[in-house]
Amino acid sequence: MPRSVERLIEAFARLPGIGPKTASRLTYHLLRASEGESRELAEALVAVREGTVFCSRCFNITSKEADPCEICGDPSREAGVLCVVEEPLDVLAIERTGSYAGRYHVLHGAISPVEGIGPDDLRIRELIARVDAEGITEVIVATNPTLEGEATAMYLKDAVHNPEVRMTRLARGLPAGGDLEYADARTLSEALQGRREV
C-alpha cells in the first residue's frame, strides 16, 4: 500500500469515533471520488484551521473576524448569567433549545485524573476572572452527567467561592453517562428549567 494511503488511514483513525475499518472506508471512498470532491475536503480542512479561533471571552469557536463571538457581543443576552459547558458542541446543543438567553463559558474538557486532565488544563482560571470582572449573578454548571462532569461541577462550586453568585446545575433528565450534544432539544430545555443549586 502506498505510504500516502497509509498516512490518510492513520489520520482518519485518530479522529474520535473512527476506528481502523471506518478510516479505511473513508480513505478508499476518497480514492474513488472525483478529484474535485477530495480537493473540496482538503480545502475545507485548511479553511477551518485558518479561519477559526476561540473567542477571547467565552472560548467558544468563532471566526477570526468575529472576536468576541456573536453570543458574547449580543447586547440582548443576559449578561449576568453564565452557562459553563465542557465543549463548543454543548453550546450548539443548548442554543437549539431556544430556552437560554444568557452567555457561555467553554472549559474545553472535564477534570479526569485517569486521562491526566486537571483543573489547570481547563479554562477555569478564566471563568473565575469573568465571574469577578463581569458581575455574574448566576453560574449554571452544564457539564455532562458523567463522573468527570460531576467532579468538574464540584470543583467549580469550590473555585467560584462568591456568596453573591448563585451556582446551579442542570436538572436530571439527561441520561447518566451521556453527552449534551446528543440530547434532544426538549430534554435539554427541561433540564435548563429544572436546574438546582450545586
Protein backbone atom coordinates (compact mmCIF):
# COMPACT_ATOMS: atom_id res chain seq x y z
CA MET A 1 0.00 0.00 0.00
CA PRO A 2 1.40 3.44 -0.85
CA ARG A 3 2.60 5.45 2.15
CA SER A 4 0.20 8.30 1.28
CA VAL A 5 -2.78 5.92 1.64
CA GLU A 6 -1.49 4.54 4.94
CA ARG A 7 -0.95 8.09 6.20
CA LEU A 8 -4.53 9.10 5.39
CA ILE A 9 -5.94 5.98 7.08
CA GLU A 10 -3.85 6.75 10.18
CA ALA A 11 -5.04 10.38 10.15
CA PHE A 12 -8.72 9.37 9.93
CA ALA A 13 -8.23 6.74 12.67
CA ARG A 14 -7.04 9.43 15.10
CA LEU A 15 -10.42 11.17 14.88
CA PRO A 16 -12.89 10.44 17.71
CA GLY A 17 -15.32 7.64 16.91
CA ILE A 18 -13.37 6.48 13.85
CA GLY A 19 -11.83 3.03 14.03
CA PRO A 20 -9.40 1.42 11.59
CA LYS A 21 -12.15 -0.06 9.38
CA THR A 22 -14.05 3.20 9.07
CA ALA A 23 -10.77 5.03 8.42
CA SER A 24 -10.00 2.60 5.60
CA ARG A 25 -13.51 3.01 4.12
CA LEU A 26 -13.22 6.80 4.18
CA THR A 27 -9.80 6.67 2.55
CA TYR A 28 -10.92 4.33 -0.22
CA HIS A 29 -14.03 6.43 -0.78
CA LEU A 30 -11.82 9.47 -1.39
CA LEU A 31 -9.60 7.45 -3.74
CA ARG A 32 -12.67 6.55 -5.84
CA ALA A 33 -14.24 10.02 -5.59
CA SER A 34 -13.66 12.75 -8.10
CA GLU A 35 -10.60 14.92 -7.69
CA GLY A 36 -12.92 17.86 -7.01
CA GLU A 37 -14.53 16.13 -4.02
CA SER A 38 -11.14 15.28 -2.50
CA ARG A 39 -9.85 18.81 -3.05
CA GLU A 40 -13.03 20.29 -1.55
CA LEU A 41 -12.49 18.23 1.62
CA ALA A 42 -8.83 19.26 1.80
CA GLU A 43 -9.71 22.93 1.31
CA ALA A 44 -12.45 22.75 3.96
CA LEU A 45 -9.97 21.30 6.46
CA VAL A 46 -7.44 24.04 5.75
CA ALA A 47 -10.13 26.76 5.91
CA VAL A 48 -11.44 25.61 9.28
CA ARG A 49 -7.93 25.73 10.74
CA GLU A 50 -7.05 29.09 9.21
CA GLY A 51 -10.41 30.84 9.62
CA THR A 52 -11.47 29.93 13.17
CA VAL A 53 -10.23 30.83 16.63
CA PHE A 54 -11.53 30.51 20.17
CA CYS A 55 -13.49 33.51 21.41
CA SER A 56 -11.29 35.60 23.70
CA ARG A 57 -14.12 35.83 26.26
CA CYS A 58 -16.03 32.54 26.35
CA PHE A 59 -13.64 30.24 24.42
CA ASN A 60 -16.34 29.05 22.04
CA ILE A 61 -15.40 28.63 18.39
CA THR A 62 -15.68 31.79 16.29
CA SER A 63 -14.31 33.19 13.07
CA LYS A 64 -11.16 35.31 13.16
CA GLU A 65 -13.24 38.30 12.07
CA ALA A 66 -15.77 37.93 14.93
CA ASP A 67 -13.89 38.01 18.22
CA PRO A 68 -15.56 38.18 20.66
CA CYS A 69 -18.12 35.77 19.25
CA GLU A 70 -21.69 36.67 18.27
CA ILE A 71 -23.13 35.41 21.58
CA CYS A 72 -20.68 37.42 23.72
CA GLY A 73 -21.30 40.50 21.57
CA ASP A 74 -25.10 40.24 21.63
CA PRO A 75 -26.44 43.01 23.93
CA SER A 76 -29.86 41.31 24.18
CA ARG A 77 -28.42 38.32 26.09
CA GLU A 78 -28.49 38.22 29.89
CA ALA A 79 -25.02 39.43 30.86
CA GLY A 80 -25.29 38.26 34.48
CA VAL A 81 -25.99 34.58 33.71
CA LEU A 82 -23.17 32.32 32.59
CA CYS A 83 -23.64 28.73 31.42
CA VAL A 84 -20.46 26.65 31.80
CA VAL A 85 -20.09 23.77 29.34
CA GLU A 86 -17.37 21.27 28.54
CA GLU A 87 -17.15 21.66 24.74
CA PRO A 88 -18.27 24.03 21.94
CA LEU A 89 -20.73 21.38 20.70
CA ASP A 90 -22.55 21.72 24.03
CA VAL A 91 -23.17 25.41 23.26
CA LEU A 92 -24.85 24.39 19.99
CA ALA A 93 -26.99 21.82 21.81
CA ILE A 94 -28.24 24.35 24.37
CA GLU A 95 -28.79 27.04 21.74
CA ARG A 96 -31.01 24.61 19.77
CA THR A 97 -33.46 24.55 22.70
CA GLY A 98 -34.20 28.28 22.46
CA SER A 99 -34.62 28.20 26.27
CA TYR A 100 -31.47 30.01 27.32
CA ALA A 101 -30.69 33.71 26.80
CA GLY A 102 -27.51 34.14 28.84
CA ARG A 103 -23.87 33.81 27.90
CA TYR A 104 -21.47 30.85 27.92
CA HIS A 105 -18.06 29.76 29.11
CA VAL A 106 -16.43 26.73 27.44
CA LEU A 107 -13.99 24.75 29.60
CA HIS A 108 -12.65 22.56 26.76
CA GLY A 109 -12.91 19.35 28.73
CA ALA A 110 -13.63 17.99 32.18
CA ILE A 111 -11.44 17.03 35.11
CA SER A 112 -10.25 13.47 34.55
CA PRO A 113 -7.30 12.21 36.61
CA VAL A 114 -7.31 8.95 34.61
CA GLU A 115 -6.62 10.91 31.40
CA GLY A 116 -4.25 13.30 33.18
CA ILE A 117 -6.62 16.28 32.86
CA GLY A 118 -6.59 18.53 35.90
CA PRO A 119 -8.16 21.93 36.66
CA ASP A 120 -5.13 23.77 35.23
CA ASP A 121 -5.74 22.11 31.85
CA LEU A 122 -9.20 23.68 31.58
CA ARG A 123 -10.40 27.29 31.26
CA ILE A 124 -11.28 27.52 34.97
CA ARG A 125 -8.98 30.45 35.84
CA GLU A 126 -10.59 32.44 33.04
CA LEU A 127 -14.05 31.53 34.37
CA ILE A 128 -13.22 32.80 37.85
CA ALA A 129 -11.84 36.03 36.36
CA ARG A 130 -15.04 36.51 34.32
CA VAL A 131 -17.28 35.95 37.33
CA ASP A 132 -15.42 38.64 39.25
CA ALA A 133 -14.99 41.13 36.39
CA GLU A 134 -18.39 40.87 34.67
CA GLY A 135 -20.72 40.99 37.68
CA ILE A 136 -22.06 37.49 37.12
CA THR A 137 -25.04 36.69 39.37
CA GLU A 138 -25.60 33.05 38.36
CA VAL A 139 -23.31 30.32 37.06
CA ILE A 140 -25.15 27.37 35.52
CA VAL A 141 -22.86 24.35 35.56
CA ALA A 142 -23.85 22.37 32.46
CA THR A 143 -21.13 19.73 32.44
CA ASN A 144 -22.04 16.25 31.25
CA PRO A 145 -23.72 13.91 33.79
CA THR A 146 -20.64 11.67 33.92
CA LEU A 147 -18.15 11.01 36.70
CA GLU A 148 -15.80 13.57 35.12
CA GLY A 149 -18.59 16.09 34.66
CA GLU A 150 -19.69 15.72 38.28
CA ALA A 151 -16.09 16.08 39.51
CA THR A 152 -15.74 19.24 37.45
CA ALA A 153 -19.02 20.63 38.82
CA MET A 154 -17.90 20.03 42.41
CA TYR A 155 -14.53 21.65 41.71
CA LEU A 156 -16.25 24.69 40.18
CA LYS A 157 -18.50 25.04 43.22
CA ASP A 158 -15.44 25.40 45.43
CA ALA A 159 -13.46 27.51 42.93
CA VAL A 160 -16.20 30.13 42.45
CA HIS A 161 -16.48 30.89 46.15
CA ASN A 162 -18.50 34.08 45.91
CA PRO A 163 -21.61 34.15 48.15
CA GLU A 164 -23.25 36.68 45.81
CA VAL A 165 -23.11 34.26 42.86
CA ARG A 166 -25.83 31.63 42.62
CA MET A 167 -24.37 28.27 41.49
CA THR A 168 -26.85 25.95 39.79
CA ARG A 169 -26.56 22.62 38.00
CA LEU A 170 -28.69 21.31 35.15
CA ALA A 171 -31.54 19.19 36.44
CA ARG A 172 -31.56 15.46 35.89
CA GLY A 173 -33.41 14.20 32.94
CA LEU A 174 -30.27 13.99 30.89
CA PRO A 175 -29.15 10.38 30.64
CA ALA A 176 -26.36 9.47 33.05
CA GLY A 177 -23.17 8.76 31.16
CA GLY A 178 -24.41 10.67 28.10
CA ASP A 179 -23.17 13.79 26.33
CA LEU A 180 -25.09 17.06 25.97
CA GLU A 181 -24.50 17.17 22.23
CA TYR A 182 -26.64 14.02 21.74
CA ALA A 183 -29.58 15.11 23.91
CA ASP A 184 -32.78 16.21 22.20
CA ALA A 185 -33.96 19.82 22.50
CA ARG A 186 -36.90 19.04 24.82
CA THR A 187 -34.74 17.12 27.32
CA LEU A 188 -32.18 19.93 27.38
CA SER A 189 -34.89 22.57 27.71
CA GLU A 190 -36.45 20.79 30.72
CA ALA A 191 -33.03 20.31 32.26
CA LEU A 192 -32.32 24.06 31.98
CA GLN A 193 -35.71 24.95 33.52
CA GLY A 194 -35.26 22.46 36.40
CA ARG A 195 -31.68 23.38 37.32
CA ARG A 196 -30.77 23.18 41.00
CA GLU A 197 -28.23 24.56 43.44
CA VAL A 198 -24.81 22.91 43.26
